[in-house]
């Protein structure tokens, strides 16, 4: 069975990604890391923000 993957500090990761993209593209952007909140037996899935910048 595959082990779950957990990010330790999603806000910090978002900030690093956002700053690199802003520098490269020269535009202001927002970065949101999400995770699905669903079950196998449930139709559809909700997204929950786990990191924002």
C-alpha atoms as a PDB file:
ATOM      1  CA  UNK A   1       0.000   0.000   0.000  1.00  0.00           C
ATOM      2  CA  UNK A   2       1.262   3.472  -0.855  1.00  0.00           C
ATOM      3  CA  UNK A   3       2.242   5.644   2.092  1.00  0.00           C
ATOM      4  CA  UNK A   4       0.473   9.026   2.394  1.00  0.00           C
ATOM      5  CA  UNK A   5       2.503  12.057   1.356  1.00  0.00           C
ATOM      6  CA  UNK A   6       2.385  14.952   3.796  1.00  0.00           C
ATOM      7  CA  UNK A   7       3.914  18.372   3.239  1.00  0.00           C
ATOM      8  CA  UNK A   8       5.351  19.841   6.425  1.00  0.00           C
ATOM      9  CA  UNK A   9       4.800  23.539   5.695  1.00  0.00           C
ATOM     10  CA  UNK A  10       2.517  24.167   2.736  1.00  0.00           C
ATOM     11  CA  UNK A  11       2.469  27.954   3.269  1.00  0.00           C
ATOM     12  CA  UNK A  12       6.268  28.095   3.002  1.00  0.00           C
ATOM     13  CA  UNK A  13       6.256  25.881  -0.095  1.00  0.00           C
ATOM     14  CA  UNK A  14       3.539  28.103  -1.648  1.00  0.00           C
ATOM     15  CA  UNK A  15       5.605  31.195  -0.918  1.00  0.00           C
ATOM     16  CA  UNK A  16       8.704  29.713  -2.571  1.00  0.00           C
ATOM     17  CA  UNK A  17       6.737  28.646  -5.654  1.00  0.00           C
ATOM     18  CA  UNK A  18       4.938  32.003  -5.845  1.00  0.00           C
ATOM     19  CA  UNK A  19       8.105  34.066  -5.551  1.00  0.00           C
ATOM     20  CA  UNK A  20       9.859  32.048  -8.266  1.00  0.00           C
ATOM     21  CA  UNK A  21       6.896  32.393 -10.629  1.00  0.00           C
ATOM     22  CA  UNK A  22       6.497  36.126  -9.923  1.00  0.00           C
ATOM     23  CA  UNK A  23      10.188  36.660 -10.658  1.00  0.00           C
ATOM     24  CA  UNK A  24      10.089  34.584 -13.846  1.00  0.00           C
ATOM     25  CA  UNK A  25       6.790  35.899 -15.230  1.00  0.00           C
ATOM     26  CA  UNK A  26       6.880  39.464 -13.843  1.00  0.00           C
ATOM     27  CA  UNK A  27       3.199  39.277 -12.853  1.00  0.00           C
ATOM     28  CA  UNK A  28       1.450  39.035  -9.485  1.00  0.00           C
ATOM     29  CA  UNK A  29      -0.153  35.641  -8.911  1.00  0.00           C
ATOM     30  CA  UNK A  30      -1.739  33.661  -6.108  1.00  0.00           C
ATOM     31  CA  UNK A  31      -0.693  30.092  -5.301  1.00  0.00           C
ATOM     32  CA  UNK A  32      -2.993  27.622  -3.555  1.00  0.00           C
ATOM     33  CA  UNK A  33      -2.070  24.045  -2.652  1.00  0.00           C
ATOM     34  CA  UNK A  34      -5.154  21.861  -2.188  1.00  0.00           C
ATOM     35  CA  UNK A  35      -5.922  18.327  -1.136  1.00  0.00           C
ATOM     36  CA  UNK A  36      -9.012  16.314  -1.987  1.00  0.00           C
ATOM     37  CA  UNK A  37     -11.396  15.508   0.826  1.00  0.00           C
ATOM     38  CA  UNK A  38     -13.214  12.553  -0.613  1.00  0.00           C
ATOM     39  CA  UNK A  39     -13.733   8.870  -0.138  1.00  0.00           C
ATOM     40  CA  UNK A  40     -13.749   6.036  -2.646  1.00  0.00           C
ATOM     41  CA  UNK A  41     -17.471   5.428  -2.102  1.00  0.00           C
ATOM     42  CA  UNK A  42     -18.395   9.122  -2.428  1.00  0.00           C
ATOM     43  CA  UNK A  43     -19.226  10.688  -5.781  1.00  0.00           C
ATOM     44  CA  UNK A  44     -17.140  13.800  -6.344  1.00  0.00           C
ATOM     45  CA  UNK A  45     -14.559  15.324  -4.067  1.00  0.00           C
ATOM     46  CA  UNK A  46     -14.124  18.550  -2.182  1.00  0.00           C
ATOM     47  CA  UNK A  47     -10.872  20.492  -2.294  1.00  0.00           C
ATOM     48  CA  UNK A  48      -9.415  21.863   0.929  1.00  0.00           C
ATOM     49  CA  UNK A  49      -6.699  24.529   0.871  1.00  0.00           C
ATOM     50  CA  UNK A  50      -3.633  23.388   2.783  1.00  0.00           C
ATOM     51  CA  UNK A  51      -1.279  26.180   1.689  1.00  0.00           C
ATOM     52  CA  UNK A  52      -1.814  29.757   0.519  1.00  0.00           C
ATOM     53  CA  UNK A  53       0.410  32.542  -0.758  1.00  0.00           C
END
